Amino acid sequence: MSDNAARPPRPVSLVTIVAIFGCFALFLILIRLAYNSKSPAYIPEDEVAEKLGADQQWNATPEARRTYLMELRSKQEKQATSYGWVDQKNGVVQLPVDRAMELVAHDYAPKQP
């Protein structure tokens, strides 16, 4: 016969089980702390404007956000439909989107013999 007879499994000690559950609990606590640090506490809307910096005042009220968004969209529309210099020294220009697409299509069109 062989010397490697099947040994009965060793029982798991209570200390090992408690340690495993303790590590799992610590992991859950760390996850909970990380989640809570990312979600800010609720601030009433009337106090928001006071707590925001000058660069974030547009975010104070729904009306301010709406006004900021309308201004931003009009600025983007103007940029998308007008010509201008982005960097004149390096020769970088701003073109309307339609004209830029025409130029790209012309550059990549098959050459006529």
PDB file of N, CA and C in Angstrom:
ATOM      1  N   MET A   1       0.817  -1.158   0.000  1.00  0.00           N
ATOM      2  CA  MET A   1       0.000   0.000   0.000  1.00  0.00           C
ATOM      3  C   MET A   1       0.876   1.242   0.000  1.00  0.00           C
ATOM      4  N   SER A   2       0.238   2.365  -0.194  1.00  0.00           N
ATOM      5  CA  SER A   2       1.033   3.587  -0.246  1.00  0.00           C
ATOM      6  C   SER A   2       1.061   4.262   1.112  1.00  0.00           C
ATOM      7  N   ASP A   3       2.103   5.077   1.290  1.00  0.00           N
ATOM      8  CA  ASP A   3       2.223   5.812   2.545  1.00  0.00           C
ATOM      9  C   ASP A   3       1.299   7.036   2.583  1.00  0.00           C
ATOM     10  N   ASN A   4       0.798   7.400   1.428  1.00  0.00           N
ATOM     11  CA  ASN A   4      -0.066   8.593   1.343  1.00  0.00           C
ATOM     12  C   ASN A   4      -1.523   8.202   1.533  1.00  0.00           C
ATOM     13  N   ALA A   5      -1.818   7.713   2.636  1.00  0.00           N
ATOM     14  CA  ALA A   5      -3.192   7.332   2.922  1.00  0.00           C
ATOM     15  C   ALA A   5      -4.030   8.592   3.056  1.00  0.00           C
ATOM     16  N   ALA A   6      -5.256   8.500   2.677  1.00  0.00           N
ATOM     17  CA  ALA A   6      -6.139   9.665   2.742  1.00  0.00           C
ATOM     18  C   ALA A   6      -6.311  10.093   4.189  1.00  0.00           C
ATOM     19  N   ARG A   7      -5.966  11.360   4.418  1.00  0.00           N
ATOM     20  CA  ARG A   7      -6.103  11.897   5.766  1.00  0.00           C
ATOM     21  C   ARG A   7      -7.467  12.563   5.897  1.00  0.00           C
ATOM     22  N   PRO A   8      -8.045  12.471   7.049  1.00  0.00           N
ATOM     23  CA  PRO A   8      -9.316  13.163   7.233  1.00  0.00           C
ATOM     24  C   PRO A   8      -9.074  14.680   7.225  1.00  0.00           C
ATOM     25  N   PRO A   9      -9.991  15.463   6.703  1.00  0.00           N
ATOM     26  CA  PRO A   9      -9.791  16.911   6.647  1.00  0.00           C
ATOM     27  C   PRO A   9      -9.694  17.499   8.048  1.00  0.00           C
ATOM     28  N   ARG A  10      -8.813  18.516   8.136  1.00  0.00           N
ATOM     29  CA  ARG A  10      -8.652  19.196   9.421  1.00  0.00           C
ATOM     30  C   ARG A  10      -9.837  20.110   9.650  1.00  0.00           C
ATOM     31  N   PRO A  11     -10.335  20.157  10.829  1.00  0.00           N
ATOM     32  CA  PRO A  11     -11.436  21.092  11.091  1.00  0.00           C
ATOM     33  C   PRO A  11     -10.911  22.534  11.076  1.00  0.00           C
ATOM     34  N   VAL A  12     -11.739  23.451  10.620  1.00  0.00           N
ATOM     35  CA  VAL A  12     -11.377  24.864  10.567  1.00  0.00           C
ATOM     36  C   VAL A  12     -11.618  25.452  11.943  1.00  0.00           C
ATOM     37  N   SER A  13     -10.627  26.201  12.387  1.00  0.00           N
ATOM     38  CA  SER A  13     -10.752  26.757  13.735  1.00  0.00           C
ATOM     39  C   SER A  13     -11.716  27.939  13.746  1.00  0.00           C
ATOM     40  N   LEU A  14     -12.253  28.203  14.883  1.00  0.00           N
ATOM     41  CA  LEU A  14     -13.188  29.311  15.067  1.00  0.00           C
ATOM     42  C   LEU A  14     -12.484  30.648  14.833  1.00  0.00           C
ATOM     43  N   VAL A  15     -11.227  30.732  15.184  1.00  0.00           N
ATOM     44  CA  VAL A  15     -10.454  31.967  14.994  1.00  0.00           C
ATOM     45  C   VAL A  15     -10.356  32.296  13.509  1.00  0.00           C
ATOM     46  N   THR A  16     -10.149  31.286  12.663  1.00  0.00           N
ATOM     47  CA  THR A  16     -10.048  31.509  11.222  1.00  0.00           C
ATOM     48  C   THR A  16     -11.366  32.026  10.663  1.00  0.00           C
ATOM     49  N   ILE A  17     -12.472  31.450  11.095  1.00  0.00           N
ATOM     50  CA  ILE A  17     -13.787  31.882  10.624  1.00  0.00           C
ATOM     51  C   ILE A  17     -14.062  33.316  11.041  1.00  0.00           C
ATOM     52  N   VAL A  18     -13.756  33.663  12.274  1.00  0.00           N
ATOM     53  CA  VAL A  18     -13.972  35.028  12.768  1.00  0.00           C
ATOM     54  C   VAL A  18     -13.082  36.006  12.005  1.00  0.00           C
ATOM     55  N   ALA A  19     -11.844  35.615  11.716  1.00  0.00           N
ATOM     56  CA  ALA A  19     -10.930  36.484  10.975  1.00  0.00           C
ATOM     57  C   ALA A  19     -11.450  36.748   9.562  1.00  0.00           C
ATOM     58  N   ILE A  20     -11.971  35.734   8.906  1.00  0.00           N
ATOM     59  CA  ILE A  20     -12.504  35.904   7.551  1.00  0.00           C
ATOM     60  C   ILE A  20     -13.705  36.845   7.571  1.00  0.00           C
ATOM     61  N   PHE A  21     -14.634  36.638   8.498  1.00  0.00           N
ATOM     62  CA  PHE A  21     -15.785  37.533   8.591  1.00  0.00           C
ATOM     63  C   PHE A  21     -15.366  38.951   8.980  1.00  0.00           C
ATOM     64  N   GLY A  22     -14.352  39.077   9.831  1.00  0.00           N
ATOM     65  CA  GLY A  22     -13.850  40.399  10.210  1.00  0.00           C
ATOM     66  C   GLY A  22     -13.258  41.137   9.014  1.00  0.00           C
ATOM     67  N   CYS A  23     -12.490  40.441   8.183  1.00  0.00           N
ATOM     68  CA  CYS A  23     -11.925  41.058   6.974  1.00  0.00           C
ATOM     69  C   CYS A  23     -13.032  41.475   6.020  1.00  0.00           C
ATOM     70  N   PHE A  24     -14.035  40.646   5.869  1.00  0.00           N
ATOM     71  CA  PHE A  24     -15.155  40.980   4.999  1.00  0.00           C
ATOM     72  C   PHE A  24     -15.901  42.210   5.522  1.00  0.00           C
ATOM     73  N   ALA A  25     -16.118  42.287   6.822  1.00  0.00           N
ATOM     74  CA  ALA A  25     -16.794  43.441   7.419  1.00  0.00           C
ATOM     75  C   ALA A  25     -15.959  44.710   7.234  1.00  0.00           C
ATOM     76  N   LEU A  26     -14.650  44.613   7.400  1.00  0.00           N
ATOM     77  CA  LEU A  26     -13.767  45.753   7.198  1.00  0.00           C
ATOM     78  C   LEU A  26     -13.826  46.227   5.750  1.00  0.00           C
ATOM     79  N   PHE A  27     -13.857  45.293   4.826  1.00  0.00           N
ATOM     80  CA  PHE A  27     -13.967  45.630   3.407  1.00  0.00           C
ATOM     81  C   PHE A  27     -15.273  46.386   3.139  1.00  0.00           C
ATOM     82  N   LEU A  28     -16.383  45.912   3.692  1.00  0.00           N
ATOM     83  CA  LEU A  28     -17.666  46.588   3.493  1.00  0.00           C
ATOM     84  C   LEU A  28     -17.667  47.990   4.105  1.00  0.00           C
ATOM     85  N   ILE A  29     -17.037  48.142   5.253  1.00  0.00           N
ATOM     86  CA  ILE A  29     -16.952  49.464   5.893  1.00  0.00           C
ATOM     87  C   ILE A  29     -16.148  50.421   5.023  1.00  0.00           C
ATOM     88  N   LEU A  30     -15.045  49.971   4.476  1.00  0.00           N
ATOM     89  CA  LEU A  30     -14.217  50.822   3.612  1.00  0.00           C
ATOM     90  C   LEU A  30     -14.980  51.226   2.347  1.00  0.00           C
ATOM     91  N   ILE A  31     -15.711  50.296   1.773  1.00  0.00           N
ATOM     92  CA  ILE A  31     -16.510  50.620   0.589  1.00  0.00           C
ATOM     93  C   ILE A  31     -17.571  51.661   0.940  1.00  0.00           C
ATOM     94  N   ARG A  32     -18.219  51.508   2.070  1.00  0.00           N
ATOM     95  CA  ARG A  32     -19.251  52.455   2.501  1.00  0.00           C
ATOM     96  C   ARG A  32     -18.661  53.847   2.737  1.00  0.00           C
ATOM     97  N   LEU A  33     -17.499  53.924   3.351  1.00  0.00           N
ATOM     98  CA  LEU A  33     -16.847  55.217   3.581  1.00  0.00           C
ATOM     99  C   LEU A  33     -16.458  55.872   2.264  1.00  0.00           C
ATOM    100  N   ALA A  34     -15.952  55.098   1.329  1.00  0.00           N
ATOM    101  CA  ALA A  34     -15.579  55.649   0.028  1.00  0.00           C
ATOM    102  C   ALA A  34     -16.813  56.158  -0.709  1.00  0.00           C
ATOM    103  N   TYR A  35     -17.913  55.446  -0.617  1.00  0.00           N
ATOM    104  CA  TYR A  35     -19.149  55.870  -1.277  1.00  0.00           C
ATOM    105  C   TYR A  35     -19.683  57.150  -0.651  1.00  0.00           C
ATOM    106  N   ASN A  36     -19.663  57.248   0.657  1.00  0.00           N
ATOM    107  CA  ASN A  36     -20.185  58.432   1.344  1.00  0.00           C
ATOM    108  C   ASN A  36     -19.337  59.660   1.077  1.00  0.00           C
ATOM    109  N   SER A  37     -18.045  59.505   0.881  1.00  0.00           N
ATOM    110  CA  SER A  37     -17.195  60.670   0.655  1.00  0.00           C
ATOM    111  C   SER A  37     -17.434  61.270  -0.714  1.00  0.00           C
ATOM    112  N   LYS A  38     -17.954  60.487  -1.659  1.00  0.00           N
ATOM    113  CA  LYS A  38     -18.196  61.002  -3.002  1.00  0.00           C
ATOM    114  C   LYS A  38     -19.553  61.674  -3.126  1.00  0.00           C
ATOM    115  N   SER A  39     -20.506  61.339  -2.318  1.00  0.00           N
ATOM    116  CA  SER A  39     -21.826  61.936  -2.421  1.00  0.00           C
ATOM    117  C   SER A  39     -21.941  63.069  -1.400  1.00  0.00           C
ATOM    118  N   PRO A  40     -22.091  64.311  -1.890  1.00  0.00           N
ATOM    119  CA  PRO A  40     -22.159  65.433  -0.959  1.00  0.00           C
ATOM    120  C   PRO A  40     -23.467  65.438  -0.187  1.00  0.00           C
ATOM    121  N   ALA A  41     -23.425  66.061   0.955  1.00  0.00           N
ATOM    122  CA  ALA A  41     -24.633  66.187   1.770  1.00  0.00           C
ATOM    123  C   ALA A  41     -25.593  67.151   1.078  1.00  0.00           C
ATOM    124  N   TYR A  42     -26.856  67.016   1.360  1.00  0.00           N
ATOM    125  CA  TYR A  42     -27.865  67.882   0.754  1.00  0.00           C
ATOM    126  C   TYR A  42     -27.722  69.286   1.322  1.00  0.00           C
ATOM    127  N   ILE A  43     -27.688  70.259   0.418  1.00  0.00           N
ATOM    128  CA  ILE A  43     -27.639  71.660   0.816  1.00  0.00           C
ATOM    129  C   ILE A  43     -28.912  72.313   0.298  1.00  0.00           C
ATOM    130  N   PRO A  44     -29.700  72.941   1.151  1.00  0.00           N
ATOM    131  CA  PRO A  44     -30.911  73.609   0.675  1.00  0.00           C
ATOM    132  C   PRO A  44     -30.591  74.631  -0.407  1.00  0.00           C
ATOM    133  N   GLU A  45     -31.520  74.796  -1.359  1.00  0.00           N
ATOM    134  CA  GLU A  45     -31.253  75.631  -2.530  1.00  0.00           C
ATOM    135  C   GLU A  45     -30.963  77.079  -2.174  1.00  0.00           C
ATOM    136  N   ASP A  46     -31.570  77.595  -1.115  1.00  0.00           N
ATOM    137  CA  ASP A  46     -31.325  78.983  -0.749  1.00  0.00           C
ATOM    138  C   ASP A  46     -29.928  79.192  -0.170  1.00  0.00           C
ATOM    139  N   GLU A  47     -29.287  78.135   0.307  1.00  0.00           N
ATOM    140  CA  GLU A  47     -27.926  78.244   0.831  1.00  0.00           C
ATOM    141  C   GLU A  47     -26.880  77.938  -0.231  1.00  0.00           C
ATOM    142  N   VAL A  48     -27.290  77.393  -1.365  1.00  0.00           N
ATOM    143  CA  VAL A  48     -26.338  77.005  -2.395  1.00  0.00           C
ATOM    144  C   VAL A  48     -25.566  78.198  -2.912  1.00  0.00           C
ATOM    145  N   ALA A  49     -26.246  79.283  -3.213  1.00  0.00           N
ATOM    146  CA  ALA A  49     -25.588  80.451  -3.787  1.00  0.00           C
ATOM    147  C   ALA A  49     -24.522  81.005  -2.854  1.00  0.00           C
ATOM    148  N   GLU A  50     -24.747  80.918  -1.557  1.00  0.00           N
ATOM    149  CA  GLU A  50     -23.772  81.429  -0.606  1.00  0.00           C
ATOM    150  C   GLU A  50     -22.535  80.548  -0.535  1.00  0.00           C
ATOM    151  N   LYS A  51     -22.702  79.247  -0.724  1.00  0.00           N
ATOM    152  CA  LYS A  51     -21.582  78.321  -0.575  1.00  0.00           C
ATOM    153  C   LYS A  51     -20.768  78.155  -1.846  1.00  0.00           C
ATOM    154  N   LEU A  52     -21.302  78.565  -2.995  1.00  0.00           N
ATOM    155  CA  LEU A  52     -20.591  78.403  -4.250  1.00  0.00           C
ATOM    156  C   LEU A  52     -19.606  79.535  -4.454  1.00  0.00           C
ATOM    157  N   GLY A  53     -18.499  79.213  -5.110  1.00  0.00           N
ATOM    158  CA  GLY A  53     -17.521  80.229  -5.446  1.00  0.00           C
ATOM    159  C   GLY A  53     -17.994  81.060  -6.616  1.00  0.00           C
ATOM    160  N   ALA A  54     -17.228  82.088  -6.951  1.00  0.00           N
ATOM    161  CA  ALA A  54     -17.606  82.991  -8.037  1.00  0.00           C
ATOM    162  C   ALA A  54     -17.676  82.258  -9.370  1.00  0.00           C
ATOM    163  N   ASP A  55     -16.816  81.263  -9.574  1.00  0.00           N
ATOM    164  CA  ASP A  55     -16.811  80.538 -10.840  1.00  0.00           C
ATOM    165  C   ASP A  55     -17.950  79.523 -10.938  1.00  0.00           C
ATOM    166  N   GLN A  56     -18.665  79.277  -9.850  1.00  0.00           N
ATOM    167  CA  GLN A  56     -19.763  78.312  -9.845  1.00  0.00           C
ATOM    168  C   GLN A  56     -21.130  78.950  -9.603  1.00  0.00           C
ATOM    169  N   GLN A  57     -21.231  80.267  -9.679  1.00  0.00           N
ATOM    170  CA  GLN A  57     -22.501  80.944  -9.430  1.00  0.00           C
ATOM    171  C   GLN A  57     -23.565  80.574 -10.460  1.00  0.00           C
ATOM    172  N   TRP A  58     -23.145  80.184 -11.655  1.00  0.00           N
ATOM    173  CA  TRP A  58     -24.112  79.783 -12.677  1.00  0.00           C
ATOM    174  C   TRP A  58     -24.899  78.556 -12.234  1.00  0.00           C
ATOM    175  N   ASN A  59     -24.375  77.787 -11.297  1.00  0.00           N
ATOM    176  CA  ASN A  59     -24.991  76.546 -10.849  1.00  0.00           C
ATOM    177  C   ASN A  59     -25.864  76.749  -9.608  1.00  0.00           C
ATOM    178  N   ALA A  60     -26.101  77.993  -9.220  1.00  0.00           N
ATOM    179  CA  ALA A  60     -26.791  78.266  -7.963  1.00  0.00           C
ATOM    180  C   ALA A  60     -28.274  77.948  -8.012  1.00  0.00           C
ATOM    181  N   THR A  61     -28.950  78.311  -9.073  1.00  0.00           N
ATOM    182  CA  THR A  61     -30.395  78.111  -9.161  1.00  0.00           C
ATOM    183  C   THR A  61     -30.746  77.544 -10.535  1.00  0.00           C
ATOM    184  N   PRO A  62     -31.936  76.984 -10.668  1.00  0.00           N
ATOM    185  CA  PRO A  62     -32.335  76.489 -11.998  1.00  0.00           C
ATOM    186  C   PRO A  62     -32.379  77.603 -13.051  1.00  0.00           C
ATOM    187  N   GLU A  63     -32.805  78.794 -12.658  1.00  0.00           N
ATOM    188  CA  GLU A  63     -32.849  79.907 -13.611  1.00  0.00           C
ATOM    189  C   GLU A  63     -31.442  80.284 -14.069  1.00  0.00           C
ATOM    190  N   ALA A  64     -30.491  80.309 -13.137  1.00  0.00           N
ATOM    191  CA  ALA A  64     -29.106  80.638 -13.491  1.00  0.00           C
ATOM    192  C   ALA A  64     -28.527  79.568 -14.411  1.00  0.00           C
ATOM    193  N   ARG A  65     -28.825  78.302 -14.149  1.00  0.00           N
ATOM    194  CA  ARG A  65     -28.345  77.222 -15.028  1.00  0.00           C
ATOM    195  C   ARG A  65     -28.948  77.346 -16.424  1.00  0.00           C
ATOM    196  N   ARG A  66     -30.237  77.653 -16.486  1.00  0.00           N
ATOM    197  CA  ARG A  66     -30.920  77.796 -17.770  1.00  0.00           C
ATOM    198  C   ARG A  66     -30.316  78.957 -18.566  1.00  0.00           C
ATOM    199  N   THR A  67     -30.082  80.100 -17.913  1.00  0.00           N
ATOM    200  CA  THR A  67     -29.488  81.249 -18.578  1.00  0.00           C
ATOM    201  C   THR A  67     -28.085  80.928 -19.071  1.00  0.00           C
ATOM    202  N   TYR A  68     -27.291  80.278 -18.227  1.00  0.00           N
ATOM    203  CA  TYR A  68     -25.927  79.911 -18.613  1.00  0.00           C
ATOM    204  C   TYR A  68     -25.941  78.966 -19.811  1.00  0.00           C
ATOM    205  N   LEU A  69     -26.845  77.995 -19.806  1.00  0.00           N
ATOM    206  CA  LEU A  69     -26.926  77.036 -20.901  1.00  0.00           C
ATOM    207  C   LEU A  69     -27.327  77.725 -22.199  1.00  0.00           C
ATOM    208  N   MET A  70     -28.273  78.659 -22.141  1.00  0.00           N
ATOM    209  CA  MET A  70     -28.677  79.384 -23.349  1.00  0.00           C
ATOM    210  C   MET A  70     -27.515  80.200 -23.904  1.00  0.00           C
ATOM    211  N   GLU A  71     -26.760  80.865 -23.028  1.00  0.00           N
ATOM    212  CA  GLU A  71     -25.593  81.642 -23.477  1.00  0.00           C
ATOM    213  C   GLU A  71     -24.535  80.730 -24.077  1.00  0.00           C
ATOM    214  N   LEU A  72     -24.302  79.599 -23.451  1.00  0.00           N
ATOM    215  CA  LEU A  72     -23.306  78.655 -23.950  1.00  0.00           C
ATOM    216  C   LEU A  72     -23.698  78.111 -25.323  1.00  0.00           C
ATOM    217  N   ARG A  73     -24.958  77.751 -25.483  1.00  0.00           N
ATOM    218  CA  ARG A  73     -25.422  77.223 -26.779  1.00  0.00           C
ATOM    219  C   ARG A  73     -25.333  78.274 -27.874  1.00  0.00           C
ATOM    220  N   SER A  74     -25.664  79.530 -27.571  1.00  0.00           N
ATOM    221  CA  SER A  74     -25.565  80.578 -28.595  1.00  0.00           C
ATOM    222  C   SER A  74     -24.102  80.816 -28.972  1.00  0.00           C
ATOM    223  N   LYS A  75     -23.205  80.776 -28.006  1.00  0.00           N
ATOM    224  CA  LYS A  75     -21.773  80.931 -28.285  1.00  0.00           C
ATOM    225  C   LYS A  75     -21.271  79.775 -29.159  1.00  0.00           C
ATOM    226  N   GLN A  76     -21.681  78.553 -28.848  1.00  0.00           N
ATOM    227  CA  GLN A  76     -21.260  77.406 -29.644  1.00  0.00           C
ATOM    228  C   GLN A  76     -21.842  77.470 -31.054  1.00  0.00           C
ATOM    229  N   GLU A  77     -23.080  77.918 -31.188  1.00  0.00           N
ATOM    230  CA  GLU A  77     -23.694  78.056 -32.514  1.00  0.00           C
ATOM    231  C   GLU A  77     -22.931  79.080 -33.350  1.00  0.00           C
ATOM    232  N   LYS A  78     -22.550  80.175 -32.721  1.00  0.00           N
ATOM    233  CA  LYS A  78     -21.779  81.207 -33.428  1.00  0.00           C
ATOM    234  C   LYS A  78     -20.432  80.652 -33.871  1.00  0.00           C
ATOM    235  N   GLN A  79     -19.762  79.895 -33.006  1.00  0.00           N
ATOM    236  CA  GLN A  79     -18.477  79.311 -33.364  1.00  0.00           C
ATOM    237  C   GLN A  79     -18.614  78.286 -34.484  1.00  0.00           C
ATOM    238  N   ALA A  80     -19.709  77.524 -34.475  1.00  0.00           N
ATOM    239  CA  ALA A  80     -19.889  76.461 -35.470  1.00  0.00           C
ATOM    240  C   ALA A  80     -20.259  77.010 -36.841  1.00  0.00           C
ATOM    241  N   THR A  81     -20.686  78.266 -36.923  1.00  0.00           N
ATOM    242  CA  THR A  81     -21.142  78.810 -38.200  1.00  0.00           C
ATOM    243  C   THR A  81     -20.345  80.014 -38.671  1.00  0.00           C
ATOM    244  N   SER A  82     -19.181  80.267 -38.097  1.00  0.00           N
ATOM    245  CA  SER A  82     -18.419  81.452 -38.498  1.00  0.00           C
ATOM    246  C   SER A  82     -16.952  81.108 -38.742  1.00  0.00           C
ATOM    247  N   TYR A  83     -16.295  82.007 -39.474  1.00  0.00           N
ATOM    248  CA  TYR A  83     -14.865  81.891 -39.741  1.00  0.00           C
ATOM    249  C   TYR A  83     -14.105  82.695 -38.689  1.00  0.00           C
ATOM    250  N   GLY A  84     -12.871  82.312 -38.423  1.00  0.00           N
ATOM    251  CA  GLY A  84     -12.052  83.067 -37.488  1.00  0.00           C
ATOM    252  C   GLY A  84     -10.714  82.393 -37.268  1.00  0.00           C
ATOM    253  N   TRP A  85      -9.826  83.119 -36.636  1.00  0.00           N
ATOM    254  CA  TRP A  85      -8.505  82.585 -36.310  1.00  0.00           C
ATOM    255  C   TRP A  85      -8.539  81.935 -34.932  1.00  0.00           C
ATOM    256  N   VAL A  86      -7.993  80.742 -34.843  1.00  0.00           N
ATOM    257  CA  VAL A  86      -7.798  80.094 -33.547  1.00  0.00           C
ATOM    258  C   VAL A  86      -6.394  80.417 -33.077  1.00  0.00           C
ATOM    259  N   ASP A  87      -5.410  80.231 -33.981  1.00  0.00           N
ATOM    260  CA  ASP A  87      -4.012  80.552 -33.699  1.00  0.00           C
ATOM    261  C   ASP A  87      -3.400  81.068 -34.993  1.00  0.00           C
ATOM    262  N   GLN A  88      -3.362  82.380 -35.138  1.00  0.00           N
ATOM    263  CA  GLN A  88      -2.899  82.987 -36.386  1.00  0.00           C
ATOM    264  C   GLN A  88      -1.418  82.713 -36.619  1.00  0.00           C
ATOM    265  N   LYS A  89      -0.642  82.673 -35.570  1.00  0.00           N
ATOM    266  CA  LYS A  89       0.803  82.436 -35.692  1.00  0.00           C
ATOM    267  C   LYS A  89       1.078  81.070 -36.333  1.00  0.00           C
ATOM    268  N   ASN A  90       0.319  80.060 -35.947  1.00  0.00           N
ATOM    269  CA  ASN A  90       0.518  78.711 -36.482  1.00  0.00           C
ATOM    270  C   ASN A  90      -0.400  78.395 -37.655  1.00  0.00           C
ATOM    271  N   GLY A  91      -1.243  79.339 -38.060  1.00  0.00           N
ATOM    272  CA  GLY A  91      -2.108  79.142 -39.208  1.00  0.00           C
ATOM    273  C   GLY A  91      -3.304  78.246 -38.945  1.00  0.00           C
ATOM    274  N   VAL A  92      -3.839  78.257 -37.732  1.00  0.00           N
ATOM    275  CA  VAL A  92      -4.994  77.437 -37.387  1.00  0.00           C
ATOM    276  C   VAL A  92      -6.239  78.318 -37.472  1.00  0.00           C
ATOM    277  N   VAL A  93      -7.200  77.895 -38.308  1.00  0.00           N
ATOM    278  CA  VAL A  93      -8.403  78.690 -38.499  1.00  0.00           C
ATOM    279  C   VAL A  93      -9.631  77.943 -38.005  1.00  0.00           C
ATOM    280  N   GLN A  94     -10.698  78.699 -37.826  1.00  0.00           N
ATOM    281  CA  GLN A  94     -11.999  78.149 -37.440  1.00  0.00           C
ATOM    282  C   GLN A  94     -12.900  78.265 -38.656  1.00  0.00           C
ATOM    283  N   LEU A  95     -13.496  77.142 -39.072  1.00  0.00           N
ATOM    284  CA  LEU A  95     -14.382  77.107 -40.230  1.00  0.00           C
ATOM    285  C   LEU A  95     -15.768  76.669 -39.804  1.00  0.00           C
ATOM    286  N   PRO A  96     -16.783  77.076 -40.575  1.00  0.00           N
ATOM    287  CA  PRO A  96     -18.096  76.486 -40.319  1.00  0.00           C
ATOM    288  C   PRO A  96     -18.042  74.987 -40.584  1.00  0.00           C
ATOM    289  N   VAL A  97     -18.843  74.238 -39.858  1.00  0.00           N
ATOM    290  CA  VAL A  97     -18.807  72.781 -39.942  1.00  0.00           C
ATOM    291  C   VAL A  97     -19.106  72.304 -41.360  1.00  0.00           C
ATOM    292  N   ASP A  98     -20.100  72.906 -42.021  1.00  0.00           N
ATOM    293  CA  ASP A  98     -20.448  72.483 -43.382  1.00  0.00           C
ATOM    294  C   ASP A  98     -19.284  72.667 -44.347  1.00  0.00           C
ATOM    295  N   ARG A  99     -18.605  73.809 -44.253  1.00  0.00           N
ATOM    296  CA  ARG A  99     -17.471  74.076 -45.143  1.00  0.00           C
ATOM    297  C   ARG A  99     -16.315  73.121 -44.847  1.00  0.00           C
ATOM    298  N   ALA A 100     -16.078  72.828 -43.584  1.00  0.00           N
ATOM    299  CA  ALA A 100     -15.005  71.898 -43.220  1.00  0.00           C
ATOM    300  C   ALA A 100     -15.292  70.507 -43.773  1.00  0.00           C
ATOM    301  N   MET A 101     -16.556  70.073 -43.723  1.00  0.00           N
ATOM    302  CA  MET A 101     -16.905  68.762 -44.275  1.00  0.00           C
ATOM    303  C   MET A 101     -16.697  68.732 -45.790  1.00  0.00           C
ATOM    304  N   GLU A 102     -17.040  69.829 -46.481  1.00  0.00           N
ATOM    305  CA  GLU A 102     -16.814  69.895 -47.925  1.00  0.00           C
ATOM    306  C   GLU A 102     -15.325  69.770 -48.258  1.00  0.00           C
ATOM    307  N   LEU A 103     -14.497  70.466 -47.498  1.00  0.00           N
ATOM    308  CA  LEU A 103     -13.054  70.416 -47.757  1.00  0.00           C
ATOM    309  C   LEU A 103     -12.485  69.020 -47.512  1.00  0.00           C
ATOM    310  N   VAL A 104     -12.912  68.366 -46.460  1.00  0.00           N
ATOM    311  CA  VAL A 104     -12.435  67.015 -46.165  1.00  0.00           C
ATOM    312  C   VAL A 104     -12.899  66.043 -47.236  1.00  0.00           C
ATOM    313  N   ALA A 105     -14.159  66.161 -47.656  1.00  0.00           N
ATOM    314  CA  ALA A 105     -14.670  65.285 -48.710  1.00  0.00           C
ATOM    315  C   ALA A 105     -13.909  65.506 -50.012  1.00  0.00           C
ATOM    316  N   HIS A 106     -13.569  66.753 -50.306  1.00  0.00           N
ATOM    317  CA  HIS A 106     -12.804  67.064 -51.530  1.00  0.00           C
ATOM    318  C   HIS A 106     -11.399  66.473 -51.449  1.00  0.00           C
ATOM    319  N   ASP A 107     -10.763  66.561 -50.285  1.00  0.00           N
ATOM    320  CA  ASP A 107      -9.409  66.031 -50.117  1.00  0.00           C
ATOM    321  C   ASP A 107      -9.364  64.515 -50.269  1.00  0.00           C
ATOM    322  N   TYR A 108     -10.391  63.824 -49.802  1.00  0.00           N
ATOM    323  CA  TYR A 108     -10.378  62.375 -49.824  1.00  0.00           C
ATOM    324  C   TYR A 108     -11.151  61.768 -51.005  1.00  0.00           C
ATOM    325  N   ALA A 109     -11.668  62.605 -51.878  1.00  0.00           N
ATOM    326  CA  ALA A 109     -12.383  62.109 -53.049  1.00  0.00           C
ATOM    327  C   ALA A 109     -11.384  61.454 -54.004  1.00  0.00           C
ATOM    328  N   PRO A 110     -11.832  60.417 -54.728  1.00  0.00           N
ATOM    329  CA  PRO A 110     -10.923  59.784 -55.689  1.00  0.00           C
ATOM    330  C   PRO A 110     -10.515  60.801 -56.759  1.00  0.00           C
ATOM    331  N   LYS A 111      -9.256  60.765 -57.119  1.00  0.00           N
ATOM    332  CA  LYS A 111      -8.709  61.690 -58.125  1.00  0.00           C
ATOM    333  C   LYS A 111      -9.206  61.273 -59.499  1.00  0.00           C
ATOM    334  N   GLN A 112      -9.629  62.279 -60.286  1.00  0.00           N
ATOM    335  CA  GLN A 112     -10.091  62.028 -61.659  1.00  0.00           C
ATOM    336  C   GLN A 112      -8.889  62.042 -62.593  1.00  0.00           C
ATOM    337  N   PRO A 113      -8.737  61.020 -63.459  1.00  0.00           N
ATOM    338  CA  PRO A 113      -7.575  60.999 -64.383  1.00  0.00           C
ATOM    339  C   PRO A 113      -7.727  61.985 -65.509  1.00  0.00           C
TER     340      PRO A 113
END
